PDB file of N, CA and C in Angstrom:
ATOM      1  N   UNK A   1     -75.378 134.935 129.000  1.00  0.00           N
ATOM      2  CA  UNK A   1     -74.283 133.697 129.072  1.00  0.00           C
ATOM      3  C   UNK A   1     -73.245 134.554 130.119  1.00  0.00           C
ATOM      4  N   UNK A   2     -71.915 134.095 131.220  1.00  0.00           N
ATOM      5  CA  UNK A   2     -71.294 135.180 131.437  1.00  0.00           C
ATOM      6  C   UNK A   2     -69.752 134.797 130.709  1.00  0.00           C
ATOM      7  N   UNK A   3     -69.406 136.072 130.684  1.00  0.00           N
ATOM      8  CA  UNK A   3     -67.521 135.625 130.348  1.00  0.00           C
ATOM      9  C   UNK A   3     -67.284 134.571 130.689  1.00  0.00           C
ATOM     10  N   UNK A   4     -66.991 134.408 131.830  1.00  0.00           N
ATOM     11  CA  UNK A   4     -66.068 133.147 132.892  1.00  0.00           C
ATOM     12  C   UNK A   4     -66.795 132.007 132.359  1.00  0.00           C
ATOM     13  N   UNK A   5     -68.186 131.722 131.665  1.00  0.00           N
ATOM     14  CA  UNK A   5     -68.420 130.294 131.227  1.00  0.00           C
ATOM     15  C   UNK A   5     -67.729 130.023 129.899  1.00  0.00           C
ATOM     16  N   UNK A   6     -67.233 131.262 129.299  1.00  0.00           N
ATOM     17  CA  UNK A   6     -67.184 130.990 127.893  1.00  0.00           C
ATOM     18  C   UNK A   6     -65.810 130.191 127.918  1.00  0.00           C
ATOM     19  N   UNK A   7     -65.027 130.722 128.958  1.00  0.00           N
ATOM     20  CA  UNK A   7     -63.628 130.405 128.880  1.00  0.00           C
ATOM     21  C   UNK A   7     -63.758 129.147 130.001  1.00  0.00           C
ATOM     22  N   UNK A   8     -64.597 128.204 130.471  1.00  0.00           N
ATOM     23  CA  UNK A   8     -64.439 127.419 131.849  1.00  0.00           C
ATOM     24  C   UNK A   8     -64.800 126.238 130.920  1.00  0.00           C
ATOM     25  N   UNK A   9     -63.675 124.867 131.196  1.00  0.00           N
ATOM     26  CA  UNK A   9     -63.578 123.607 130.888  1.00  0.00           C
ATOM     27  C   UNK A   9     -64.862 122.836 131.398  1.00  0.00           C
ATOM     28  N   UNK A  10     -65.366 122.286 130.699  1.00  0.00           N
ATOM     29  CA  UNK A  10     -66.077 120.768 130.663  1.00  0.00           C
ATOM     30  C   UNK A  10     -65.050 119.054 131.972  1.00  0.00           C
ATOM     31  N   UNK A  11     -65.139 119.580 132.954  1.00  0.00           N
ATOM     32  CA  UNK A  11     -64.315 118.593 133.863  1.00  0.00           C
ATOM     33  C   UNK A  11     -64.337 116.896 133.268  1.00  0.00           C
ATOM     34  N   UNK A  12     -65.921 116.787 132.646  1.00  0.00           N
ATOM     35  CA  UNK A  12     -65.537 115.285 132.330  1.00  0.00           C
ATOM     36  C   UNK A  12     -64.989 114.541 130.846  1.00  0.00           C
ATOM     37  N   UNK A  13     -64.479 115.582 130.069  1.00  0.00           N
ATOM     38  CA  UNK A  13     -64.029 115.113 128.912  1.00  0.00           C
ATOM     39  C   UNK A  13     -63.011 116.140 128.846  1.00  0.00           C
ATOM     40  N   UNK A  14     -63.151 117.353 129.497  1.00  0.00           N
ATOM     41  CA  UNK A  14     -61.370 118.124 129.542  1.00  0.00           C
ATOM     42  C   UNK A  14     -62.068 118.851 128.123  1.00  0.00           C
ATOM     43  N   UNK A  15     -62.909 119.625 127.968  1.00  0.00           N
ATOM     44  CA  UNK A  15     -62.626 120.063 126.691  1.00  0.00           C
ATOM     45  C   UNK A  15     -63.612 121.380 127.080  1.00  0.00           C
ATOM     46  N   UNK A  16     -63.145 122.770 126.519  1.00  0.00           N
ATOM     47  CA  UNK A  16     -63.967 123.926 126.390  1.00  0.00           C
ATOM     48  C   UNK A  16     -65.152 123.807 126.205  1.00  0.00           C
ATOM     49  N   UNK A  17     -65.541 124.408 126.813  1.00  0.00           N
ATOM     50  CA  UNK A  17     -67.680 125.035 127.036  1.00  0.00           C
ATOM     51  C   UNK A  17     -67.731 125.527 125.461  1.00  0.00           C
ATOM     52  N   UNK A  18     -66.949 125.934 124.953  1.00  0.00           N
ATOM     53  CA  UNK A  18     -67.076 126.824 123.849  1.00  0.00           C
ATOM     54  C   UNK A  18     -66.167 126.032 122.762  1.00  0.00           C
ATOM     55  N   UNK A  19     -66.860 126.926 121.545  1.00  0.00           N
ATOM     56  CA  UNK A  19     -65.728 125.922 120.223  1.00  0.00           C
ATOM     57  C   UNK A  19     -64.499 126.420 119.871  1.00  0.00           C
ATOM     58  N   UNK A  20     -63.968 126.160 120.287  1.00  0.00           N
ATOM     59  CA  UNK A  20     -62.553 126.818 120.532  1.00  0.00           C
ATOM     60  C   UNK A  20     -61.871 126.434 119.042  1.00  0.00           C
ATOM     61  N   UNK A  21     -62.138 125.665 118.852  1.00  0.00           N
ATOM     62  CA  UNK A  21     -61.985 125.010 116.990  1.00  0.00           C
ATOM     63  C   UNK A  21     -62.165 126.145 116.541  1.00  0.00           C
ATOM     64  N   UNK A  22     -63.833 126.771 116.813  1.00  0.00           N
ATOM     65  CA  UNK A  22     -64.387 127.883 115.617  1.00  0.00           C
ATOM     66  C   UNK A  22     -63.479 129.109 116.129  1.00  0.00           C
ATOM     67  N   UNK A  23     -63.511 129.378 117.608  1.00  0.00           N
ATOM     68  CA  UNK A  23     -62.816 130.487 117.463  1.00  0.00           C
ATOM     69  C   UNK A  23     -61.329 130.873 117.143  1.00  0.00           C
ATOM     70  N   UNK A  24     -61.014 129.347 117.178  1.00  0.00           N
ATOM     71  CA  UNK A  24     -59.706 130.194 116.696  1.00  0.00           C
ATOM     72  C   UNK A  24     -59.349 129.607 114.625  1.00  0.00           C
ATOM     73  N   UNK A  25     -60.253 128.767 114.280  1.00  0.00           N
ATOM     74  CA  UNK A  25     -60.402 129.496 112.795  1.00  0.00           C
ATOM     75  C   UNK A  25     -60.695 130.446 112.214  1.00  0.00           C
ATOM     76  N   UNK A  26     -61.198 131.300 112.792  1.00  0.00           N
ATOM     77  CA  UNK A  26     -62.511 132.823 112.733  1.00  0.00           C
ATOM     78  C   UNK A  26     -60.955 134.339 112.788  1.00  0.00           C
ATOM     79  N   UNK A  27     -60.721 133.521 114.056  1.00  0.00           N
ATOM     80  CA  UNK A  27     -59.473 134.407 114.341  1.00  0.00           C
ATOM     81  C   UNK A  27     -57.777 134.656 113.187  1.00  0.00           C
ATOM     82  N   UNK A  28     -57.902 133.186 112.824  1.00  0.00           N
ATOM     83  CA  UNK A  28     -56.554 132.722 111.849  1.00  0.00           C
ATOM     84  C   UNK A  28     -57.179 133.523 110.816  1.00  0.00           C
ATOM     85  N   UNK A  29     -58.717 132.984 109.741  1.00  0.00           N
ATOM     86  CA  UNK A  29     -58.605 133.189 109.030  1.00  0.00           C
ATOM     87  C   UNK A  29     -59.114 135.188 108.383  1.00  0.00           C
ATOM     88  N   UNK A  30     -59.309 135.675 109.876  1.00  0.00           N
ATOM     89  CA  UNK A  30     -59.941 137.588 109.825  1.00  0.00           C
ATOM     90  C   UNK A  30     -58.106 138.199 110.775  1.00  0.00           C
ATOM     91  N   UNK A  31     -57.047 137.120 110.187  1.00  0.00           N
ATOM     92  CA  UNK A  31     -55.628 138.186 110.527  1.00  0.00           C
ATOM     93  C   UNK A  31     -54.877 137.938 109.364  1.00  0.00           C
ATOM     94  N   UNK A  32     -54.665 139.325 108.612  1.00  0.00           N
ATOM     95  CA  UNK A  32     -53.744 138.863 107.223  1.00  0.00           C
ATOM     96  C   UNK A  32     -52.755 138.971 107.641  1.00  0.00           C
ATOM     97  N   UNK A  33     -52.166 139.353 108.516  1.00  0.00           N
ATOM     98  CA  UNK A  33     -50.422 138.786 108.890  1.00  0.00           C
ATOM     99  C   UNK A  33     -50.295 137.644 108.478  1.00  0.00           C
ATOM    100  N   UNK A  34     -51.498 136.607 108.844  1.00  0.00           N
ATOM    101  CA  UNK A  34     -51.652 135.296 109.678  1.00  0.00           C
ATOM    102  C   UNK A  34     -51.466 134.505 107.657  1.00  0.00           C
ATOM    103  N   UNK A  35     -52.051 135.350 106.703  1.00  0.00           N
ATOM    104  CA  UNK A  35     -52.156 134.930 105.357  1.00  0.00           C
ATOM    105  C   UNK A  35     -51.698 135.521 104.973  1.00  0.00           C
ATOM    106  N   UNK A  36     -50.776 135.922 104.786  1.00  0.00           N
ATOM    107  CA  UNK A  36     -49.382 136.562 104.422  1.00  0.00           C
ATOM    108  C   UNK A  36     -48.434 135.934 104.034  1.00  0.00           C
ATOM    109  N   UNK A  37     -48.456 135.605 105.644  1.00  0.00           N
ATOM    110  CA  UNK A  37     -46.384 134.597 105.972  1.00  0.00           C
ATOM    111  C   UNK A  37     -46.808 133.291 106.416  1.00  0.00           C
ATOM    112  N   UNK A  38     -48.147 132.591 105.806  1.00  0.00           N
ATOM    113  CA  UNK A  38     -48.404 130.774 106.328  1.00  0.00           C
ATOM    114  C   UNK A  38     -49.692 130.630 105.821  1.00  0.00           C
ATOM    115  N   UNK A  39     -50.907 131.331 105.182  1.00  0.00           N
ATOM    116  CA  UNK A  39     -51.777 130.477 104.876  1.00  0.00           C
ATOM    117  C   UNK A  39     -51.321 130.398 103.250  1.00  0.00           C
ATOM    118  N   UNK A  40     -50.353 132.135 102.568  1.00  0.00           N
ATOM    119  CA  UNK A  40     -51.094 132.292 101.169  1.00  0.00           C
ATOM    120  C   UNK A  40     -49.526 131.280 100.663  1.00  0.00           C
ATOM    121  N   UNK A  41     -48.142 131.034 101.147  1.00  0.00           N
ATOM    122  CA  UNK A  41     -47.521 130.614 101.145  1.00  0.00           C
ATOM    123  C   UNK A  41     -47.718 128.940 101.331  1.00  0.00           C
ATOM    124  N   UNK A  42     -48.694 128.243 102.234  1.00  0.00           N
ATOM    125  CA  UNK A  42     -48.796 126.911 102.461  1.00  0.00           C
ATOM    126  C   UNK A  42     -49.604 126.531 101.162  1.00  0.00           C
ATOM    127  N   UNK A  43     -50.244 127.866 100.694  1.00  0.00           N
ATOM    128  CA  UNK A  43     -51.343 127.116  99.063  1.00  0.00           C
ATOM    129  C   UNK A  43     -50.667 126.897  97.768  1.00  0.00           C
ATOM    130  N   UNK A  44     -49.859 127.909  98.030  1.00  0.00           N
ATOM    131  CA  UNK A  44     -48.700 128.449  96.674  1.00  0.00           C
ATOM    132  C   UNK A  44     -47.750 126.633  96.464  1.00  0.00           C
ATOM    133  N   UNK A  45     -47.019 126.303  98.230  1.00  0.00           N
ATOM    134  CA  UNK A  45     -46.461 125.363  97.718  1.00  0.00           C
ATOM    135  C   UNK A  45     -47.588 123.458  97.973  1.00  0.00           C
ATOM    136  N   UNK A  46     -49.259 123.630  98.323  1.00  0.00           N
ATOM    137  CA  UNK A  46     -49.801 122.843  97.667  1.00  0.00           C
ATOM    138  C   UNK A  46     -49.753 122.428  96.192  1.00  0.00           C
ATOM    139  N   UNK A  47     -49.988 123.816  95.359  1.00  0.00           N
ATOM    140  CA  UNK A  47     -50.761 123.791  94.465  1.00  0.00           C
ATOM    141  C   UNK A  47     -49.006 123.376  93.466  1.00  0.00           C
ATOM    142  N   UNK A  48     -47.932 123.848  94.008  1.00  0.00           N
ATOM    143  CA  UNK A  48     -46.519 123.788  93.476  1.00  0.00           C
ATOM    144  C   UNK A  48     -46.433 121.925  93.735  1.00  0.00           C
ATOM    145  N   UNK A  49     -46.840 121.518  94.720  1.00  0.00           N
ATOM    146  CA  UNK A  49     -46.778 119.899  94.385  1.00  0.00           C
ATOM    147  C   UNK A  49     -48.416 118.702  94.187  1.00  0.00           C
ATOM    148  N   UNK A  50     -49.422 119.697  93.283  1.00  0.00           N
ATOM    149  CA  UNK A  50     -50.147 119.412  92.999  1.00  0.00           C
ATOM    150  C   UNK A  50     -50.847 118.055  93.813  1.00  0.00           C
ATOM    151  N   UNK A  51     -50.923 118.670  95.447  1.00  0.00           N
ATOM    152  CA  UNK A  51     -51.557 118.125  96.185  1.00  0.00           C
ATOM    153  C   UNK A  51     -53.313 118.493  96.144  1.00  0.00           C
ATOM    154  N   UNK A  52     -53.088 119.745  95.833  1.00  0.00           N
ATOM    155  CA  UNK A  52     -54.927 120.237  95.499  1.00  0.00           C
ATOM    156  C   UNK A  52     -55.797 119.327  94.918  1.00  0.00           C
ATOM    157  N   UNK A  53     -54.903 118.647  93.497  1.00  0.00           N
ATOM    158  CA  UNK A  53     -55.371 117.414  92.670  1.00  0.00           C
ATOM    159  C   UNK A  53     -56.404 116.601  92.873  1.00  0.00           C
ATOM    160  N   UNK A  54     -55.505 116.263  93.717  1.00  0.00           N
ATOM    161  CA  UNK A  54     -56.318 114.309  94.849  1.00  0.00           C
ATOM    162  C   UNK A  54     -57.320 114.883  95.570  1.00  0.00           C
ATOM    163  N   UNK A  55     -57.403 116.224  95.968  1.00  0.00           N
ATOM    164  CA  UNK A  55     -58.776 116.537  97.188  1.00  0.00           C
ATOM    165  C   UNK A  55     -58.511 115.748  97.824  1.00  0.00           C
ATOM    166  N   UNK A  56     -57.977 115.279  98.705  1.00  0.00           N
ATOM    167  CA  UNK A  56     -57.416 114.503 100.030  1.00  0.00           C
ATOM    168  C   UNK A  56     -57.274 115.643 101.380  1.00  0.00           C
ATOM    169  N   UNK A  57     -58.239 116.166 102.275  1.00  0.00           N
ATOM    170  CA  UNK A  57     -58.346 116.841 102.965  1.00  0.00           C
ATOM    171  C   UNK A  57     -57.450 116.587 103.597  1.00  0.00           C
ATOM    172  N   UNK A  58     -56.979 114.648 103.963  1.00  0.00           N
ATOM    173  CA  UNK A  58     -55.922 114.286 105.408  1.00  0.00           C
ATOM    174  C   UNK A  58     -54.311 115.141 104.918  1.00  0.00           C
ATOM    175  N   UNK A  59     -53.976 114.996 103.313  1.00  0.00           N
ATOM    176  CA  UNK A  59     -53.450 114.846 102.980  1.00  0.00           C
ATOM    177  C   UNK A  59     -52.810 116.926 102.675  1.00  0.00           C
ATOM    178  N   UNK A  60     -53.978 117.859 102.136  1.00  0.00           N
ATOM    179  CA  UNK A  60     -54.054 119.639 102.816  1.00  0.00           C
ATOM    180  C   UNK A  60     -53.775 119.809 103.667  1.00  0.00           C
ATOM    181  N   UNK A  61     -54.622 118.966 104.490  1.00  0.00           N
ATOM    182  CA  UNK A  61     -54.928 119.936 106.124  1.00  0.00           C
ATOM    183  C   UNK A  61     -53.301 120.206 107.173  1.00  0.00           C
ATOM    184  N   UNK A  62     -52.110 118.895 106.875  1.00  0.00           N
ATOM    185  CA  UNK A  62     -50.793 119.246 107.263  1.00  0.00           C
ATOM    186  C   UNK A  62     -50.536 120.848 106.451  1.00  0.00           C
ATOM    187  N   UNK A  63     -50.543 120.592 105.702  1.00  0.00           N
ATOM    188  CA  UNK A  63     -49.438 122.195 105.273  1.00  0.00           C
ATOM    189  C   UNK A  63     -49.734 123.487 105.729  1.00  0.00           C
ATOM    190  N   UNK A  64     -51.008 123.256 106.485  1.00  0.00           N
ATOM    191  CA  UNK A  64     -51.347 124.664 107.328  1.00  0.00           C
ATOM    192  C   UNK A  64     -50.803 124.379 109.140  1.00  0.00           C
ATOM    193  N   UNK A  65     -49.661 123.952 109.686  1.00  0.00           N
ATOM    194  CA  UNK A  65     -49.716 123.453 110.811  1.00  0.00           C
ATOM    195  C   UNK A  65     -49.249 124.352 111.230  1.00  0.00           C
ATOM    196  N   UNK A  66     -47.905 124.819 110.107  1.00  0.00           N
ATOM    197  CA  UNK A  66     -47.210 126.486 110.533  1.00  0.00           C
ATOM    198  C   UNK A  66     -48.084 127.505 111.189  1.00  0.00           C
ATOM    199  N   UNK A  67     -48.931 127.779 110.470  1.00  0.00           N
ATOM    200  CA  UNK A  67     -50.341 128.415 110.103  1.00  0.00           C
ATOM    201  C   UNK A  67     -50.831 128.493 111.393  1.00  0.00           C
ATOM    202  N   UNK A  68     -51.390 127.021 111.660  1.00  0.00           N
ATOM    203  CA  UNK A  68     -52.343 127.158 112.906  1.00  0.00           C
ATOM    204  C   UNK A  68     -51.530 127.672 114.626  1.00  0.00           C
ATOM    205  N   UNK A  69     -50.477 126.628 114.275  1.00  0.00           N
ATOM    206  CA  UNK A  69     -49.309 127.315 115.445  1.00  0.00           C
ATOM    207  C   UNK A  69     -49.009 128.284 116.106  1.00  0.00           C
ATOM    208  N   UNK A  70     -48.719 128.977 114.815  1.00  0.00           N
ATOM    209  CA  UNK A  70     -48.702 130.579 114.402  1.00  0.00           C
ATOM    210  C   UNK A  70     -49.833 130.963 115.584  1.00  0.00           C
ATOM    211  N   UNK A  71     -51.097 130.750 114.638  1.00  0.00           N
ATOM    212  CA  UNK A  71     -51.902 131.275 115.106  1.00  0.00           C
ATOM    213  C   UNK A  71     -52.752 131.147 116.474  1.00  0.00           C
ATOM    214  N   UNK A  72     -51.987 129.975 117.152  1.00  0.00           N
ATOM    215  CA  UNK A  72     -52.308 129.320 118.688  1.00  0.00           C
ATOM    216  C   UNK A  72     -51.423 130.462 119.443  1.00  0.00           C
ATOM    217  N   UNK A  73     -50.255 131.032 119.228  1.00  0.00           N
ATOM    218  CA  UNK A  73     -49.233 132.035 120.026  1.00  0.00           C
ATOM    219  C   UNK A  73     -50.151 133.095 119.839  1.00  0.00           C
ATOM    220  N   UNK A  74     -50.526 133.860 118.628  1.00  0.00           N
ATOM    221  CA  UNK A  74     -51.766 135.009 118.928  1.00  0.00           C
ATOM    222  C   UNK A  74     -52.408 135.072 119.433  1.00  0.00           C
ATOM    223  N   UNK A  75     -53.448 134.101 119.087  1.00  0.00           N
ATOM    224  CA  UNK A  75     -54.806 133.794 119.692  1.00  0.00           C
ATOM    225  C   UNK A  75     -54.688 133.446 121.764  1.00  0.00           C
ATOM    226  N   UNK A  76     -53.161 133.186 121.954  1.00  0.00           N
ATOM    227  CA  UNK A  76     -53.313 132.991 123.161  1.00  0.00           C
ATOM    228  C   UNK A  76     -52.672 134.495 123.898  1.00  0.00           C
ATOM    229  N   UNK A  77     -51.921 134.880 123.037  1.00  0.00           N
ATOM    230  CA  UNK A  77     -51.097 136.412 123.474  1.00  0.00           C
ATOM    231  C   UNK A  77     -52.464 137.652 123.914  1.00  0.00           C
ATOM    232  N   UNK A  78     -53.065 137.270 122.946  1.00  0.00           N
ATOM    233  CA  UNK A  78     -54.220 138.138 122.266  1.00  0.00           C
ATOM    234  C   UNK A  78     -55.815 137.990 124.240  1.00  0.00           C
ATOM    235  N   UNK A  79     -55.717 136.047 123.610  1.00  0.00           N
ATOM    236  CA  UNK A  79     -57.406 136.281 125.070  1.00  0.00           C
ATOM    237  C   UNK A  79     -57.302 135.220 125.930  1.00  0.00           C
ATOM    238  N   UNK A  80     -55.370 134.777 126.520  1.00  0.00           N
ATOM    239  CA  UNK A  80     -55.181 134.491 127.277  1.00  0.00           C
ATOM    240  C   UNK A  80     -55.957 133.563 128.265  1.00  0.00           C
ATOM    241  N   UNK A  81     -56.847 132.424 127.345  1.00  0.00           N
ATOM    242  CA  UNK A  81     -57.382 131.297 127.270  1.00  0.00           C
ATOM    243  C   UNK A  81     -57.364 130.647 129.088  1.00  0.00           C
ATOM    244  N   UNK A  82     -58.067 130.530 129.600  1.00  0.00           N
ATOM    245  CA  UNK A  82     -57.412 129.972 131.333  1.00  0.00           C
ATOM    246  C   UNK A  82     -57.435 128.489 130.501  1.00  0.00           C
ATOM    247  N   UNK A  83     -56.309 128.125 131.784  1.00  0.00           N
ATOM    248  CA  UNK A  83     -55.929 126.982 131.506  1.00  0.00           C
ATOM    249  C   UNK A  83     -54.641 126.855 130.813  1.00  0.00           C
ATOM    250  N   UNK A  84     -53.920 125.744 131.300  1.00  0.00           N
ATOM    251  CA  UNK A  84     -52.670 125.616 130.897  1.00  0.00           C
ATOM    252  C   UNK A  84     -52.035 125.452 129.202  1.00  0.00           C
ATOM    253  N   UNK A  85     -51.412 126.259 129.202  1.00  0.00           N
ATOM    254  CA  UNK A  85     -51.451 126.177 126.891  1.00  0.00           C
ATOM    255  C   UNK A  85     -51.458 124.908 126.378  1.00  0.00           C
ATOM    256  N   UNK A  86     -50.435 123.888 126.860  1.00  0.00           N
ATOM    257  CA  UNK A  86     -50.363 123.063 126.864  1.00  0.00           C
ATOM    258  C   UNK A  86     -51.195 121.676 126.638  1.00  0.00           C
ATOM    259  N   UNK A  87     -52.200 121.716 127.684  1.00  0.00           N
ATOM    260  CA  UNK A  87     -53.102 121.194 128.152  1.00  0.00           C
ATOM    261  C   UNK A  87     -54.221 122.112 127.010  1.00  0.00           C
ATOM    262  N   UNK A  88     -54.720 123.314 126.584  1.00  0.00           N
ATOM    263  CA  UNK A  88     -55.872 124.327 126.061  1.00  0.00           C
ATOM    264  C   UNK A  88     -55.017 123.992 124.277  1.00  0.00           C
ATOM    265  N   UNK A  89     -53.749 123.721 124.267  1.00  0.00           N
ATOM    266  CA  UNK A  89     -53.430 123.637 122.691  1.00  0.00           C
ATOM    267  C   UNK A  89     -53.184 122.891 122.422  1.00  0.00           C
ATOM    268  N   UNK A  90     -53.551 121.484 122.233  1.00  0.00           N
ATOM    269  CA  UNK A  90     -53.040 120.083 122.078  1.00  0.00           C
ATOM    270  C   UNK A  90     -52.898 120.297 120.610  1.00  0.00           C
ATOM    271  N   UNK A  91     -52.253 118.835 120.126  1.00  0.00           N
ATOM    272  CA  UNK A  91     -52.069 118.544 119.203  1.00  0.00           C
ATOM    273  C   UNK A  91     -53.128 118.172 118.240  1.00  0.00           C
ATOM    274  N   UNK A  92     -54.346 117.228 119.223  1.00  0.00           N
ATOM    275  CA  UNK A  92     -55.476 117.184 118.693  1.00  0.00           C
ATOM    276  C   UNK A  92     -56.071 118.481 118.038  1.00  0.00           C
ATOM    277  N   UNK A  93     -56.399 119.497 119.245  1.00  0.00           N
ATOM    278  CA  UNK A  93     -56.677 120.951 118.353  1.00  0.00           C
ATOM    279  C   UNK A  93     -56.319 121.752 116.835  1.00  0.00           C
ATOM    280  N   UNK A  94     -54.724 120.770 117.088  1.00  0.00           N
ATOM    281  CA  UNK A  94     -54.153 122.052 116.596  1.00  0.00           C
ATOM    282  C   UNK A  94     -54.504 120.997 114.790  1.00  0.00           C
ATOM    283  N   UNK A  95     -54.422 119.623 114.835  1.00  0.00           N
ATOM    284  CA  UNK A  95     -55.405 119.010 113.444  1.00  0.00           C
ATOM    285  C   UNK A  95     -56.448 118.988 112.919  1.00  0.00           C
ATOM    286  N   UNK A  96     -57.452 119.745 114.000  1.00  0.00           N
ATOM    287  CA  UNK A  96     -59.223 119.602 113.598  1.00  0.00           C
ATOM    288  C   UNK A  96     -58.518 121.449 113.010  1.00  0.00           C
ATOM    289  N   UNK A  97     -57.861 121.785 113.682  1.00  0.00           N
ATOM    290  CA  UNK A  97     -58.260 123.421 113.512  1.00  0.00           C
ATOM    291  C   UNK A  97     -57.350 123.622 111.531  1.00  0.00           C
ATOM    292  N   UNK A  98     -56.359 122.146 111.442  1.00  0.00           N
ATOM    293  CA  UNK A  98     -55.743 122.557 109.991  1.00  0.00           C
ATOM    294  C   UNK A  98     -56.811 122.409 109.091  1.00  0.00           C
ATOM    295  N   UNK A  99     -57.213 120.649 109.871  1.00  0.00           N
ATOM    296  CA  UNK A  99     -58.647 120.015 109.135  1.00  0.00           C
ATOM    297  C   UNK A  99     -59.347 120.758 108.920  1.00  0.00           C
ATOM    298  N   UNK A 100     -60.051 121.945 108.803  1.00  0.00           N
ATOM    299  CA  UNK A 100     -61.144 122.537 109.599  1.00  0.00           C
ATOM    300  C   UNK A 100     -61.114 123.626 108.086  1.00  0.00           C
ATOM    301  N   UNK A 101     -59.401 124.154 108.542  1.00  0.00           N
ATOM    302  CA  UNK A 101     -58.658 125.561 107.491  1.00  0.00           C
ATOM    303  C   UNK A 101     -59.329 124.543 106.139  1.00  0.00           C
ATOM    304  N   UNK A 102     -58.540 123.353 105.687  1.00  0.00           N
ATOM    305  CA  UNK A 102     -58.682 122.726 104.306  1.00  0.00           C
ATOM    306  C   UNK A 102     -60.021 122.232 103.706  1.00  0.00           C
ATOM    307  N   UNK A 103     -60.569 122.168 104.875  1.00  0.00           N
ATOM    308  CA  UNK A 103     -62.230 122.070 104.302  1.00  0.00           C
ATOM    309  C   UNK A 103     -62.915 123.330 103.535  1.00  0.00           C
ATOM    310  N   UNK A 104     -62.133 123.902 104.343  1.00  0.00           N
ATOM    311  CA  UNK A 104     -62.892 125.570 103.950  1.00  0.00           C
ATOM    312  C   UNK A 104     -62.749 126.022 102.717  1.00  0.00           C
ATOM    313  N   UNK A 105     -60.901 126.051 102.141  1.00  0.00           N
ATOM    314  CA  UNK A 105     -60.559 126.781 101.737  1.00  0.00           C
ATOM    315  C   UNK A 105     -59.981 125.528 100.275  1.00  0.00           C
ATOM    316  N   UNK A 106     -60.582 124.965 100.038  1.00  0.00           N
ATOM    317  CA  UNK A 106     -60.232 123.875  99.716  1.00  0.00           C
ATOM    318  C   UNK A 106     -60.388 124.468  97.911  1.00  0.00           C
ATOM    319  N   UNK A 107     -61.825 124.683  98.060  1.00  0.00           N
ATOM    320  CA  UNK A 107     -62.910 124.696  96.494  1.00  0.00           C
ATOM    321  C   UNK A 107     -61.969 126.797  96.026  1.00  0.00           C
ATOM    322  N   UNK A 108     -61.404 126.782  97.045  1.00  0.00           N
ATOM    323  CA  UNK A 108     -61.425 128.263  96.676  1.00  0.00           C
ATOM    324  C   UNK A 108     -59.469 128.318  96.325  1.00  0.00           C
ATOM    325  N   UNK A 109     -58.965 127.867  96.816  1.00  0.00           N
ATOM    326  CA  UNK A 109     -57.389 127.441  96.403  1.00  0.00           C
ATOM    327  C   UNK A 109     -57.709 126.545  94.861  1.00  0.00           C
ATOM    328  N   UNK A 110     -58.746 125.683  94.629  1.00  0.00           N
ATOM    329  CA  UNK A 110     -58.481 124.969  93.244  1.00  0.00           C
ATOM    330  C   UNK A 110     -59.127 125.754  91.971  1.00  0.00           C
ATOM    331  N   UNK A 111     -60.681 126.964  92.986  1.00  0.00           N
ATOM    332  CA  UNK A 111     -60.472 128.159  91.711  1.00  0.00           C
ATOM    333  C   UNK A 111     -59.339 129.229  91.666  1.00  0.00           C
ATOM    334  N   UNK A 112     -58.556 129.062  92.310  1.00  0.00           N
ATOM    335  CA  UNK A 112     -57.751 129.574  92.151  1.00  0.00           C
ATOM    336  C   UNK A 112     -57.796 131.694  93.036  1.00  0.00           C
ATOM    337  N   UNK A 113     -58.512 131.508  93.513  1.00  0.00           N
ATOM    338  CA  UNK A 113     -59.296 132.426  94.181  1.00  0.00           C
ATOM    339  C   UNK A 113     -58.055 133.412  94.891  1.00  0.00           C
ATOM    340  N   UNK A 114     -56.749 132.471  95.692  1.00  0.00           N
ATOM    341  CA  UNK A 114     -55.165 132.565  96.098  1.00  0.00           C
ATOM    342  C   UNK A 114     -54.369 132.613  95.540  1.00  0.00           C
ATOM    343  N   UNK A 115     -54.689 133.103  94.400  1.00  0.00           N
ATOM    344  CA  UNK A 115     -53.742 132.887  93.041  1.00  0.00           C
ATOM    345  C   UNK A 115     -53.815 134.763  93.267  1.00  0.00           C
ATOM    346  N   UNK A 116     -51.947 134.687  93.112  1.00  0.00           N
ATOM    347  CA  UNK A 116     -51.377 136.727  92.478  1.00  0.00           C
ATOM    348  C   UNK A 116     -52.292 137.017  91.690  1.00  0.00           C
ATOM    349  N   UNK A 117     -52.828 137.663  91.830  1.00  0.00           N
ATOM    350  CA  UNK A 117     -53.227 138.842  90.198  1.00  0.00           C
ATOM    351  C   UNK A 117     -52.561 139.599  89.631  1.00  0.00           C
ATOM    352  N   UNK A 118     -52.389 139.245  88.535  1.00  0.00           N
ATOM    353  CA  UNK A 118     -51.845 140.354  87.211  1.00  0.00           C
ATOM    354  C   UNK A 118     -52.577 142.024  87.574  1.00  0.00           C
ATOM    355  N   UNK A 119     -50.810 142.547  87.230  1.00  0.00           N
ATOM    356  CA  UNK A 119     -51.220 144.134  87.635  1.00  0.00           C
ATOM    357  C   UNK A 119     -51.949 144.642  86.306  1.00  0.00           C
TER     358      UNK A 119
END
């Protein structure tokens, strides 16, 4: 596959030909700065409010919106995908990524994986 094909749109559906949701989710999951500044505070807030106990992805996902927005910005700066930013990074895409992050990390959050460790 050519690089050009990776960053082009399917004209019928106005969607990327590659899976942008998976790509940005991977980018966010592998950036330490995003985790320290956005992810861990969101996890702490979810636990403090006991939202995690309800086990609802729809209630957990919005907590990751600021993480995803900053991830969008960093991803856009680094990879400069084709198309207008406001057309590529839509609210629907933002919520899809936040939901995917919530689904992926829920069990780890509940098990205390992201809790601060005692020295």
